[in-house]
Amino acid sequence: MMLYDVASVEDRGSHWYVTNVFPHTLDPIERQEKLLNLSAVSASIIKHALTEGIEVRIVKPIEYNEVMPHEIKLISGDSSDYNFARESAIKKARMVVTQDLASVSGYTFYSYMCLNNELCDKGYFITAENRESKYLEILETGNEDLIQKLEDYLNMRDQIERVSALNKKFDHFRKMINEEECTDKIDELTNKFLEDYYSTFF
């Protein structure tokens, strides 16, 4: 089965308004937003436009099961308009964090919950306060299967906590942007958010 990049869109009557692009997954989790499959070229065009703060529309109806380049309309707005600046800033930030937010799949979260339940069933109720002692307790059992479950549990927990922290930062950023009416300040907040994000890779 071919996996596409997909566009998250809002129905604006005569067209679809693109809010985000991210890789399609096979997760069974249902999403509230409408998703459209993108051809490789369409995905590239839309990603570039969104990172530049350009509004992206997809004409209706689309001809095939994926959006083709000729169905994409790029709309440049007035950079001095704070509403346009707000939307552009949020799109830019969303585009760079999407990969990380998508990195924890529904399957990972489900597996984490199953492992947590298994550990609880064996009497290991791990909390933020007691986790060090519980980890040592499990390691001291010498039970390789149990220790492997602990390692998998810890790895999944780290993934979930990292993405959860990033999501909170993005929500805080979006709140600040939506309260700001000065376009220069919006740019400043956006640049600061992106600098902080990229600094985590070095």
N, C-alpha and C. Protein backbone atom coordinates (compact mmCIF):
# COMPACT_ATOMS: atom_id res chain seq x y z
N MET A 1 0.84 -1.19 0.00
CA MET A 1 0.00 0.00 0.00
C MET A 1 0.88 1.25 0.00
N MET A 2 0.59 2.19 -0.89
CA MET A 2 1.37 3.42 -0.96
C MET A 2 0.94 4.38 0.15
N LEU A 3 1.93 4.98 0.83
CA LEU A 3 1.63 5.97 1.85
C LEU A 3 1.94 7.35 1.31
N TYR A 4 1.01 8.27 1.47
CA TYR A 4 1.16 9.62 0.96
C TYR A 4 1.48 10.58 2.10
N ASP A 5 2.02 11.75 1.75
CA ASP A 5 1.90 12.88 2.65
C ASP A 5 0.45 13.32 2.53
N VAL A 6 -0.08 13.85 3.59
CA VAL A 6 -1.48 14.30 3.56
C VAL A 6 -1.57 15.75 4.00
N ALA A 7 -2.57 16.43 3.49
CA ALA A 7 -2.86 17.80 3.88
C ALA A 7 -4.05 17.80 4.82
N SER A 8 -3.90 18.50 5.93
CA SER A 8 -5.02 18.73 6.83
C SER A 8 -5.72 19.99 6.31
N VAL A 9 -7.02 19.88 6.06
CA VAL A 9 -7.74 20.99 5.41
C VAL A 9 -9.05 21.34 6.10
N GLU A 10 -9.47 22.58 5.87
CA GLU A 10 -10.78 23.05 6.32
C GLU A 10 -11.63 23.33 5.09
N ASP A 11 -12.90 22.98 5.16
CA ASP A 11 -13.81 23.21 4.03
C ASP A 11 -14.23 24.68 4.01
N ARG A 12 -13.85 25.39 2.95
CA ARG A 12 -14.22 26.80 2.81
C ARG A 12 -15.19 27.00 1.65
N GLY A 13 -16.00 25.99 1.37
CA GLY A 13 -17.02 26.11 0.32
C GLY A 13 -16.47 25.81 -1.06
N SER A 14 -15.89 26.81 -1.69
CA SER A 14 -15.39 26.63 -3.06
C SER A 14 -14.02 25.97 -3.10
N HIS A 15 -13.37 25.86 -1.95
CA HIS A 15 -12.03 25.28 -1.92
C HIS A 15 -11.72 24.70 -0.55
N TRP A 16 -10.62 23.94 -0.49
CA TRP A 16 -10.10 23.44 0.78
C TRP A 16 -8.99 24.39 1.22
N TYR A 17 -9.00 24.79 2.48
CA TYR A 17 -7.97 25.66 3.05
C TYR A 17 -6.98 24.77 3.81
N VAL A 18 -5.72 24.79 3.41
CA VAL A 18 -4.72 23.88 4.00
C VAL A 18 -4.17 24.45 5.30
N THR A 19 -4.21 23.66 6.35
CA THR A 19 -3.68 24.10 7.65
C THR A 19 -2.36 23.42 8.01
N ASN A 20 -2.09 22.27 7.39
CA ASN A 20 -0.87 21.54 7.75
C ASN A 20 -0.62 20.43 6.74
N VAL A 21 0.62 19.92 6.73
CA VAL A 21 0.99 18.75 5.92
C VAL A 21 1.82 17.84 6.80
N PHE A 22 1.54 16.55 6.76
CA PHE A 22 2.34 15.61 7.54
C PHE A 22 2.29 14.24 6.88
N PRO A 23 3.20 13.34 7.25
CA PRO A 23 3.20 12.00 6.64
C PRO A 23 1.97 11.21 7.05
N HIS A 24 1.41 10.50 6.12
CA HIS A 24 0.30 9.59 6.42
C HIS A 24 0.85 8.40 7.17
N THR A 25 0.10 7.91 8.13
CA THR A 25 0.50 6.70 8.85
C THR A 25 -0.62 5.69 8.75
N LEU A 26 -0.35 4.49 9.21
CA LEU A 26 -1.38 3.45 9.22
C LEU A 26 -2.08 3.37 10.56
N ASP A 27 -1.88 4.39 11.41
CA ASP A 27 -2.52 4.39 12.72
C ASP A 27 -4.03 4.31 12.58
N PRO A 28 -4.67 3.51 13.43
CA PRO A 28 -6.13 3.42 13.36
C PRO A 28 -6.83 4.58 14.03
N ILE A 29 -6.06 5.52 14.62
CA ILE A 29 -6.67 6.64 15.33
C ILE A 29 -7.43 7.52 14.34
N GLU A 30 -8.66 7.83 14.67
CA GLU A 30 -9.45 8.69 13.80
C GLU A 30 -9.13 10.14 14.12
N ARG A 31 -8.95 10.93 13.08
CA ARG A 31 -8.66 12.33 13.26
C ARG A 31 -9.92 13.14 12.97
N GLN A 32 -10.04 14.27 13.67
CA GLN A 32 -11.21 15.11 13.46
C GLN A 32 -11.12 15.89 12.16
N GLU A 33 -9.89 16.27 11.77
CA GLU A 33 -9.76 17.10 10.58
C GLU A 33 -9.89 16.28 9.30
N LYS A 34 -10.23 16.96 8.22
CA LYS A 34 -10.32 16.34 6.91
C LYS A 34 -8.90 16.23 6.35
N LEU A 35 -8.57 15.07 5.77
CA LEU A 35 -7.24 14.84 5.21
C LEU A 35 -7.35 14.54 3.72
N LEU A 36 -6.43 15.12 2.93
CA LEU A 36 -6.36 14.85 1.50
C LEU A 36 -4.99 14.30 1.16
N ASN A 37 -4.96 13.20 0.40
CA ASN A 37 -3.68 12.65 -0.06
C ASN A 37 -3.03 13.63 -1.03
N LEU A 38 -1.69 13.71 -0.97
CA LEU A 38 -0.95 14.61 -1.84
C LEU A 38 0.02 13.84 -2.71
N SER A 39 0.15 14.24 -3.96
CA SER A 39 1.23 13.69 -4.79
C SER A 39 2.54 14.23 -4.22
N ALA A 40 3.65 13.61 -4.59
CA ALA A 40 4.95 14.03 -4.06
C ALA A 40 5.25 15.48 -4.40
N VAL A 41 4.96 15.87 -5.64
CA VAL A 41 5.22 17.26 -6.06
C VAL A 41 4.30 18.22 -5.32
N SER A 42 3.04 17.86 -5.17
CA SER A 42 2.09 18.72 -4.45
C SER A 42 2.53 18.92 -3.01
N ALA A 43 2.96 17.84 -2.38
CA ALA A 43 3.42 17.94 -0.99
C ALA A 43 4.59 18.90 -0.87
N SER A 44 5.52 18.81 -1.80
CA SER A 44 6.69 19.70 -1.78
C SER A 44 6.28 21.16 -1.95
N ILE A 45 5.38 21.43 -2.90
CA ILE A 45 4.92 22.79 -3.14
C ILE A 45 4.23 23.36 -1.90
N ILE A 46 3.35 22.57 -1.30
CA ILE A 46 2.57 23.05 -0.17
C ILE A 46 3.45 23.26 1.05
N LYS A 47 4.36 22.33 1.32
CA LYS A 47 5.26 22.49 2.47
C LYS A 47 6.06 23.78 2.35
N HIS A 48 6.61 24.02 1.16
CA HIS A 48 7.41 25.23 0.96
C HIS A 48 6.56 26.47 1.17
N ALA A 49 5.34 26.47 0.62
CA ALA A 49 4.46 27.63 0.74
C ALA A 49 4.11 27.89 2.21
N LEU A 50 3.78 26.85 2.95
CA LEU A 50 3.40 27.03 4.35
C LEU A 50 4.54 27.56 5.19
N THR A 51 5.76 27.08 4.92
CA THR A 51 6.91 27.59 5.69
C THR A 51 7.21 29.04 5.35
N GLU A 52 6.75 29.49 4.17
CA GLU A 52 6.93 30.89 3.77
C GLU A 52 5.75 31.76 4.20
N GLY A 53 4.77 31.14 4.86
CA GLY A 53 3.61 31.89 5.33
C GLY A 53 2.59 32.20 4.25
N ILE A 54 2.64 31.47 3.14
CA ILE A 54 1.70 31.70 2.03
C ILE A 54 0.45 30.85 2.23
N GLU A 55 -0.71 31.45 2.00
CA GLU A 55 -1.97 30.71 2.13
C GLU A 55 -2.08 29.70 0.98
N VAL A 56 -2.51 28.49 1.32
CA VAL A 56 -2.64 27.44 0.31
C VAL A 56 -4.09 26.98 0.24
N ARG A 57 -4.60 26.99 -0.99
CA ARG A 57 -5.96 26.50 -1.23
C ARG A 57 -5.91 25.35 -2.23
N ILE A 58 -6.82 24.41 -2.09
CA ILE A 58 -6.96 23.31 -3.04
C ILE A 58 -8.36 23.41 -3.63
N VAL A 59 -8.41 23.51 -4.96
CA VAL A 59 -9.70 23.70 -5.62
C VAL A 59 -10.55 22.45 -5.51
N LYS A 60 -11.85 22.65 -5.55
CA LYS A 60 -12.79 21.54 -5.51
C LYS A 60 -13.45 21.37 -6.87
N PRO A 61 -13.84 20.15 -7.21
CA PRO A 61 -13.44 18.90 -6.56
C PRO A 61 -12.09 18.45 -7.10
N ILE A 62 -11.37 17.65 -6.32
CA ILE A 62 -10.11 17.13 -6.84
C ILE A 62 -10.42 15.98 -7.80
N GLU A 63 -9.58 15.83 -8.81
CA GLU A 63 -9.87 14.88 -9.89
C GLU A 63 -9.54 13.43 -9.53
N TYR A 64 -8.50 13.23 -8.75
CA TYR A 64 -8.04 11.87 -8.46
C TYR A 64 -8.03 11.62 -6.95
N ASN A 65 -7.40 10.52 -6.55
CA ASN A 65 -7.37 10.22 -5.12
C ASN A 65 -6.23 10.95 -4.41
N GLU A 66 -5.51 11.80 -5.17
CA GLU A 66 -4.47 12.63 -4.57
C GLU A 66 -4.50 14.00 -5.24
N VAL A 67 -4.12 15.00 -4.46
CA VAL A 67 -4.11 16.36 -4.98
C VAL A 67 -2.95 16.53 -5.95
N MET A 68 -3.24 17.07 -7.14
CA MET A 68 -2.23 17.30 -8.15
C MET A 68 -1.80 18.77 -8.12
N PRO A 69 -0.59 19.09 -8.61
CA PRO A 69 -0.09 20.46 -8.54
C PRO A 69 -1.01 21.52 -9.14
N HIS A 70 -1.69 21.21 -10.24
CA HIS A 70 -2.55 22.21 -10.88
C HIS A 70 -3.80 22.53 -10.06
N GLU A 71 -4.06 21.74 -9.01
CA GLU A 71 -5.22 21.98 -8.16
C GLU A 71 -4.88 22.84 -6.95
N ILE A 72 -3.63 23.29 -6.87
CA ILE A 72 -3.16 24.10 -5.75
C ILE A 72 -3.15 25.57 -6.15
N LYS A 73 -3.70 26.42 -5.28
CA LYS A 73 -3.66 27.86 -5.49
C LYS A 73 -2.92 28.49 -4.30
N LEU A 74 -1.90 29.29 -4.61
CA LEU A 74 -1.12 29.96 -3.57
C LEU A 74 -1.55 31.42 -3.48
N ILE A 75 -1.88 31.86 -2.27
CA ILE A 75 -2.39 33.22 -2.07
C ILE A 75 -1.45 33.97 -1.12
N SER A 76 -0.81 35.00 -1.65
CA SER A 76 0.05 35.84 -0.81
C SER A 76 -0.81 36.90 -0.13
N GLY A 77 -0.57 37.11 1.15
CA GLY A 77 -1.36 38.08 1.90
C GLY A 77 -0.55 39.33 2.21
N ASP A 78 -1.17 40.23 2.94
CA ASP A 78 -0.55 41.49 3.34
C ASP A 78 0.22 41.26 4.63
N SER A 79 1.55 41.30 4.54
CA SER A 79 2.38 41.01 5.72
C SER A 79 2.23 42.05 6.82
N SER A 80 1.61 43.20 6.51
CA SER A 80 1.40 44.22 7.54
C SER A 80 0.10 43.99 8.31
N ASP A 81 -0.71 43.04 7.84
CA ASP A 81 -1.97 42.70 8.51
C ASP A 81 -1.67 41.69 9.62
N TYR A 82 -1.98 42.04 10.88
CA TYR A 82 -1.60 41.16 11.98
C TYR A 82 -2.36 39.83 11.95
N ASN A 83 -3.58 39.81 11.38
CA ASN A 83 -4.29 38.53 11.30
C ASN A 83 -3.57 37.58 10.34
N PHE A 84 -3.12 38.13 9.21
CA PHE A 84 -2.35 37.32 8.27
C PHE A 84 -1.03 36.89 8.90
N ALA A 85 -0.38 37.80 9.62
CA ALA A 85 0.89 37.49 10.28
C ALA A 85 0.71 36.39 11.33
N ARG A 86 -0.40 36.43 12.04
CA ARG A 86 -0.68 35.39 13.04
C ARG A 86 -0.79 34.02 12.38
N GLU A 87 -1.63 33.95 11.33
CA GLU A 87 -1.83 32.67 10.64
C GLU A 87 -0.52 32.14 10.07
N SER A 88 0.27 33.03 9.48
CA SER A 88 1.54 32.62 8.89
C SER A 88 2.49 32.09 9.96
N ALA A 89 2.55 32.77 11.10
CA ALA A 89 3.45 32.37 12.18
C ALA A 89 3.09 30.98 12.70
N ILE A 90 1.80 30.76 12.91
CA ILE A 90 1.36 29.47 13.45
C ILE A 90 1.62 28.35 12.45
N LYS A 91 1.41 28.63 11.15
CA LYS A 91 1.69 27.61 10.13
C LYS A 91 3.17 27.26 10.10
N LYS A 92 4.03 28.28 10.16
CA LYS A 92 5.48 28.03 10.14
C LYS A 92 5.89 27.14 11.30
N ALA A 93 5.41 27.49 12.49
CA ALA A 93 5.77 26.71 13.68
C ALA A 93 5.21 25.30 13.60
N ARG A 94 3.96 25.19 13.14
CA ARG A 94 3.33 23.87 13.05
C ARG A 94 4.07 22.97 12.08
N MET A 95 4.56 23.54 10.98
CA MET A 95 5.26 22.73 9.99
C MET A 95 6.54 22.11 10.54
N VAL A 96 7.27 22.84 11.37
CA VAL A 96 8.54 22.29 11.86
C VAL A 96 8.34 21.29 12.99
N VAL A 97 7.25 21.42 13.75
CA VAL A 97 7.05 20.49 14.85
C VAL A 97 6.23 19.27 14.46
N THR A 98 5.61 19.31 13.28
CA THR A 98 4.74 18.20 12.87
C THR A 98 5.45 16.85 12.90
N GLN A 99 6.69 16.80 12.39
CA GLN A 99 7.41 15.53 12.35
C GLN A 99 7.56 14.94 13.75
N ASP A 100 7.91 15.80 14.72
CA ASP A 100 8.07 15.31 16.08
C ASP A 100 6.74 14.89 16.69
N LEU A 101 5.70 15.69 16.47
CA LEU A 101 4.39 15.35 17.02
C LEU A 101 3.86 14.05 16.43
N ALA A 102 4.21 13.80 15.17
CA ALA A 102 3.75 12.58 14.51
C ALA A 102 4.63 11.38 14.86
N SER A 103 5.78 11.64 15.50
CA SER A 103 6.72 10.54 15.75
C SER A 103 6.21 9.56 16.79
N VAL A 104 5.30 10.00 17.65
CA VAL A 104 4.69 9.08 18.61
C VAL A 104 3.35 8.66 18.04
N SER A 105 3.31 7.46 17.54
CA SER A 105 2.10 6.96 16.89
C SER A 105 1.10 6.47 17.92
N GLY A 106 -0.12 6.26 17.46
CA GLY A 106 -1.13 5.68 18.33
C GLY A 106 -0.72 4.30 18.78
N TYR A 107 0.01 3.59 17.92
CA TYR A 107 0.48 2.25 18.29
C TYR A 107 1.47 2.33 19.44
N THR A 108 2.38 3.32 19.40
CA THR A 108 3.35 3.49 20.49
C THR A 108 2.63 3.76 21.80
N PHE A 109 1.65 4.65 21.76
CA PHE A 109 0.92 4.99 22.98
C PHE A 109 0.15 3.77 23.50
N TYR A 110 -0.46 3.02 22.58
CA TYR A 110 -1.19 1.82 22.97
C TYR A 110 -0.24 0.80 23.61
N SER A 111 0.93 0.60 22.99
CA SER A 111 1.92 -0.35 23.51
C SER A 111 2.40 0.08 24.89
N TYR A 112 2.59 1.38 25.05
CA TYR A 112 3.02 1.92 26.35
C TYR A 112 1.97 1.62 27.43
N MET A 113 0.71 1.83 27.10
CA MET A 113 -0.36 1.56 28.07
C MET A 113 -0.43 0.08 28.43
N CYS A 114 -0.23 -0.79 27.42
CA CYS A 114 -0.25 -2.24 27.67
C CYS A 114 0.90 -2.63 28.61
N LEU A 115 2.09 -2.09 28.34
CA LEU A 115 3.24 -2.40 29.19
C LEU A 115 3.03 -1.86 30.60
N ASN A 116 2.48 -0.68 30.71
CA ASN A 116 2.19 -0.10 32.03
C ASN A 116 1.24 -1.01 32.81
N ASN A 117 0.21 -1.51 32.11
CA ASN A 117 -0.76 -2.40 32.76
C ASN A 117 -0.10 -3.72 33.18
N GLU A 118 0.78 -4.25 32.31
CA GLU A 118 1.49 -5.49 32.66
C GLU A 118 2.35 -5.31 33.90
N LEU A 119 3.07 -4.20 33.96
CA LEU A 119 3.94 -3.94 35.11
C LEU A 119 3.10 -3.76 36.38
N CYS A 120 1.97 -3.08 36.25
CA CYS A 120 1.07 -2.90 37.39
C CYS A 120 0.54 -4.25 37.88
N ASP A 121 0.18 -5.13 36.92
CA ASP A 121 -0.33 -6.45 37.28
C ASP A 121 0.70 -7.27 38.08
N LYS A 122 1.98 -6.99 37.80
CA LYS A 122 3.05 -7.70 38.51
C LYS A 122 3.44 -6.99 39.80
N GLY A 123 2.71 -5.91 40.13
CA GLY A 123 2.96 -5.21 41.38
C GLY A 123 3.90 -4.02 41.28
N TYR A 124 4.26 -3.62 40.06
CA TYR A 124 5.17 -2.49 39.88
C TYR A 124 4.38 -1.27 39.40
N PHE A 125 3.92 -0.50 40.36
CA PHE A 125 3.17 0.71 40.06
C PHE A 125 4.16 1.87 39.99
N ILE A 126 4.54 2.24 38.79
CA ILE A 126 5.60 3.25 38.60
C ILE A 126 5.00 4.64 38.50
N THR A 127 5.45 5.51 39.41
CA THR A 127 5.02 6.91 39.40
C THR A 127 6.26 7.80 39.27
N ALA A 128 6.02 9.10 39.11
CA ALA A 128 7.16 10.03 39.00
C ALA A 128 7.97 10.03 40.29
N GLU A 129 7.30 9.79 41.44
CA GLU A 129 7.98 9.84 42.74
C GLU A 129 8.77 8.58 43.06
N ASN A 130 8.25 7.43 42.63
CA ASN A 130 8.91 6.17 43.05
C ASN A 130 9.65 5.46 41.93
N ARG A 131 9.75 6.08 40.77
CA ARG A 131 10.24 5.34 39.62
C ARG A 131 11.67 4.84 39.78
N GLU A 132 12.54 5.62 40.43
CA GLU A 132 13.93 5.16 40.59
C GLU A 132 13.98 3.86 41.38
N SER A 133 13.25 3.81 42.50
CA SER A 133 13.27 2.61 43.33
C SER A 133 12.61 1.43 42.62
N LYS A 134 11.56 1.69 41.85
CA LYS A 134 10.89 0.62 41.12
C LYS A 134 11.77 0.07 40.00
N TYR A 135 12.51 0.96 39.33
CA TYR A 135 13.42 0.51 38.28
C TYR A 135 14.46 -0.43 38.85
N LEU A 136 15.05 -0.02 39.99
CA LEU A 136 16.07 -0.87 40.64
C LEU A 136 15.47 -2.19 41.09
N GLU A 137 14.26 -2.13 41.61
CA GLU A 137 13.57 -3.33 42.07
C GLU A 137 13.39 -4.33 40.93
N ILE A 138 13.02 -3.84 39.77
CA ILE A 138 12.83 -4.72 38.60
C ILE A 138 14.17 -5.27 38.12
N LEU A 139 15.20 -4.41 38.06
CA LEU A 139 16.52 -4.86 37.62
C LEU A 139 17.08 -5.94 38.54
N GLU A 140 16.81 -5.82 39.82
CA GLU A 140 17.35 -6.78 40.80
C GLU A 140 16.67 -8.14 40.73
N THR A 141 15.54 -8.23 40.02
CA THR A 141 14.88 -9.53 39.89
C THR A 141 15.69 -10.47 38.99
N GLY A 142 16.46 -9.89 38.06
CA GLY A 142 17.22 -10.71 37.12
C GLY A 142 16.35 -11.36 36.06
N ASN A 143 15.07 -11.06 36.07
CA ASN A 143 14.13 -11.61 35.10
C ASN A 143 14.29 -10.86 33.77
N GLU A 144 14.90 -11.55 32.77
CA GLU A 144 15.21 -10.87 31.51
C GLU A 144 13.98 -10.38 30.78
N ASP A 145 12.91 -11.17 30.80
CA ASP A 145 11.68 -10.76 30.12
C ASP A 145 11.10 -9.50 30.77
N LEU A 146 11.11 -9.47 32.10
CA LEU A 146 10.59 -8.32 32.83
C LEU A 146 11.47 -7.08 32.60
N ILE A 147 12.79 -7.30 32.58
CA ILE A 147 13.72 -6.19 32.35
C ILE A 147 13.54 -5.62 30.94
N GLN A 148 13.31 -6.50 29.95
CA GLN A 148 13.07 -6.03 28.59
C GLN A 148 11.80 -5.21 28.52
N LYS A 149 10.75 -5.66 29.23
CA LYS A 149 9.50 -4.89 29.27
C LYS A 149 9.75 -3.51 29.88
N LEU A 150 10.60 -3.48 30.91
CA LEU A 150 10.93 -2.20 31.55
C LEU A 150 11.64 -1.28 30.56
N GLU A 151 12.61 -1.81 29.81
CA GLU A 151 13.35 -1.01 28.84
C GLU A 151 12.42 -0.45 27.77
N ASP A 152 11.52 -1.31 27.26
CA ASP A 152 10.56 -0.86 26.25
C ASP A 152 9.64 0.22 26.83
N TYR A 153 9.22 0.00 28.07
CA TYR A 153 8.34 0.95 28.76
C TYR A 153 9.04 2.31 28.90
N LEU A 154 10.31 2.29 29.31
CA LEU A 154 11.05 3.54 29.51
C LEU A 154 11.26 4.28 28.20
N ASN A 155 11.60 3.54 27.13
CA ASN A 155 11.80 4.16 25.82
C ASN A 155 10.53 4.83 25.32
N MET A 156 9.40 4.13 25.45
CA MET A 156 8.13 4.69 25.00
C MET A 156 7.71 5.88 25.86
N ARG A 157 7.98 5.78 27.15
CA ARG A 157 7.63 6.89 28.05
C ARG A 157 8.43 8.14 27.68
N ASP A 158 9.72 7.96 27.38
CA ASP A 158 10.56 9.09 26.98
C ASP A 158 10.03 9.75 25.72
N GLN A 159 9.63 8.92 24.73
CA GLN A 159 9.08 9.45 23.48
C GLN A 159 7.82 10.27 23.74
N ILE A 160 6.93 9.71 24.55
CA ILE A 160 5.67 10.37 24.83
C ILE A 160 5.89 11.67 25.60
N GLU A 161 6.78 11.66 26.58
CA GLU A 161 7.04 12.86 27.38
C GLU A 161 7.69 13.96 26.54
N ARG A 162 8.61 13.57 25.63
CA ARG A 162 9.27 14.55 24.77
C ARG A 162 8.26 15.25 23.87
N VAL A 163 7.39 14.46 23.25
CA VAL A 163 6.41 15.04 22.34
C VAL A 163 5.34 15.82 23.10
N SER A 164 5.01 15.36 24.29
CA SER A 164 4.04 16.09 25.11
C SER A 164 4.58 17.46 25.48
N ALA A 165 5.87 17.54 25.84
CA ALA A 165 6.49 18.82 26.19
C ALA A 165 6.51 19.75 24.98
N LEU A 166 6.81 19.19 23.81
CA LEU A 166 6.84 20.00 22.59
C LEU A 166 5.45 20.52 22.26
N ASN A 167 4.45 19.69 22.43
CA ASN A 167 3.08 20.10 22.15
C ASN A 167 2.65 21.24 23.08
N LYS A 168 3.07 21.17 24.35
CA LYS A 168 2.75 22.23 25.31
C LYS A 168 3.42 23.54 24.90
N LYS A 169 4.68 23.45 24.43
CA LYS A 169 5.39 24.66 23.99
C LYS A 169 4.69 25.27 22.78
N PHE A 170 4.26 24.42 21.85
CA PHE A 170 3.57 24.91 20.67
C PHE A 170 2.24 25.58 21.05
N ASP A 171 1.49 24.96 21.97
CA ASP A 171 0.22 25.54 22.42
C ASP A 171 0.43 26.91 23.07
N HIS A 172 1.52 27.01 23.87
CA HIS A 172 1.84 28.28 24.52
C HIS A 172 2.21 29.34 23.48
N PHE A 173 3.01 28.93 22.49
CA PHE A 173 3.39 29.83 21.40
C PHE A 173 2.16 30.33 20.66
N ARG A 174 1.26 29.41 20.32
CA ARG A 174 0.05 29.78 19.58
C ARG A 174 -0.80 30.76 20.38
N LYS A 175 -0.88 30.55 21.70
CA LYS A 175 -1.65 31.46 22.57
C LYS A 175 -1.05 32.87 22.54
N MET A 176 0.29 32.95 22.64
CA MET A 176 0.95 34.27 22.62
C MET A 176 0.73 34.96 21.27
N ILE A 177 0.85 34.20 20.19
CA ILE A 177 0.67 34.77 18.85
C ILE A 177 -0.76 35.31 18.68
N ASN A 178 -1.73 34.55 19.14
CA ASN A 178 -3.13 34.96 18.97
C ASN A 178 -3.49 36.18 19.82
N GLU A 179 -2.67 36.49 20.82
CA GLU A 179 -2.92 37.67 21.66
C GLU A 179 -2.15 38.89 21.18
N GLU A 180 -1.27 38.69 20.18
CA GLU A 180 -0.38 39.77 19.72
C GLU A 180 -0.94 40.46 18.47
N GLU A 181 -0.86 41.79 18.45
CA GLU A 181 -1.35 42.55 17.30
C GLU A 181 -0.25 43.29 16.55
N CYS A 182 0.98 43.23 17.06
CA CYS A 182 2.10 43.88 16.40
C CYS A 182 2.82 42.86 15.51
N THR A 183 2.88 43.12 14.21
CA THR A 183 3.48 42.15 13.29
C THR A 183 4.96 41.94 13.58
N ASP A 184 5.67 42.98 13.99
CA ASP A 184 7.09 42.83 14.33
C ASP A 184 7.27 41.90 15.52
N LYS A 185 6.38 42.05 16.51
CA LYS A 185 6.45 41.19 17.70
C LYS A 185 6.10 39.75 17.34
N ILE A 186 5.15 39.58 16.42
CA ILE A 186 4.78 38.24 15.96
C ILE A 186 5.99 37.57 15.31
N ASP A 187 6.70 38.33 14.46
CA ASP A 187 7.91 37.80 13.83
C ASP A 187 8.97 37.44 14.87
N GLU A 188 9.11 38.31 15.86
CA GLU A 188 10.10 38.07 16.92
C GLU A 188 9.78 36.80 17.70
N LEU A 189 8.51 36.63 18.07
CA LEU A 189 8.08 35.43 18.81
C LEU A 189 8.29 34.17 17.97
N THR A 190 7.98 34.27 16.67
CA THR A 190 8.13 33.12 15.77
C THR A 190 9.59 32.72 15.65
N ASN A 191 10.45 33.71 15.41
CA ASN A 191 11.89 33.42 15.28
C ASN A 191 12.45 32.81 16.56
N LYS A 192 12.00 33.31 17.70
CA LYS A 192 12.47 32.78 18.99
C LYS A 192 12.02 31.33 19.17
N PHE A 193 10.76 31.05 18.82
CA PHE A 193 10.25 29.68 18.94
C PHE A 193 11.04 28.73 18.05
N LEU A 194 11.29 29.13 16.81
CA LEU A 194 12.01 28.28 15.86
C LEU A 194 13.47 28.10 16.28
N GLU A 195 14.11 29.16 16.79
CA GLU A 195 15.49 29.05 17.27
C GLU A 195 15.57 28.06 18.43
N ASP A 196 14.63 28.18 19.37
CA ASP A 196 14.62 27.26 20.52
C ASP A 196 14.40 25.83 20.07
N TYR A 197 13.50 25.65 19.10
CA TYR A 197 13.21 24.31 18.59
C TYR A 197 14.46 23.71 17.95
N TYR A 198 15.08 24.43 17.03
CA TYR A 198 16.24 23.90 16.31
C TYR A 198 17.45 23.71 17.23
N SER A 199 17.53 24.49 18.30
CA SER A 199 18.67 24.36 19.22
C SER A 199 18.69 23.01 19.91
N THR A 200 17.54 22.33 19.96
CA THR A 200 17.49 21.02 20.63
C THR A 200 18.20 19.95 19.82
N PHE A 201 18.56 20.24 18.56
CA PHE A 201 19.21 19.26 17.71
C PHE A 201 20.73 19.37 17.78
N PHE A 202 21.25 20.35 18.54
CA PHE A 202 22.69 20.55 18.58
C PHE A 202 23.22 20.36 19.99
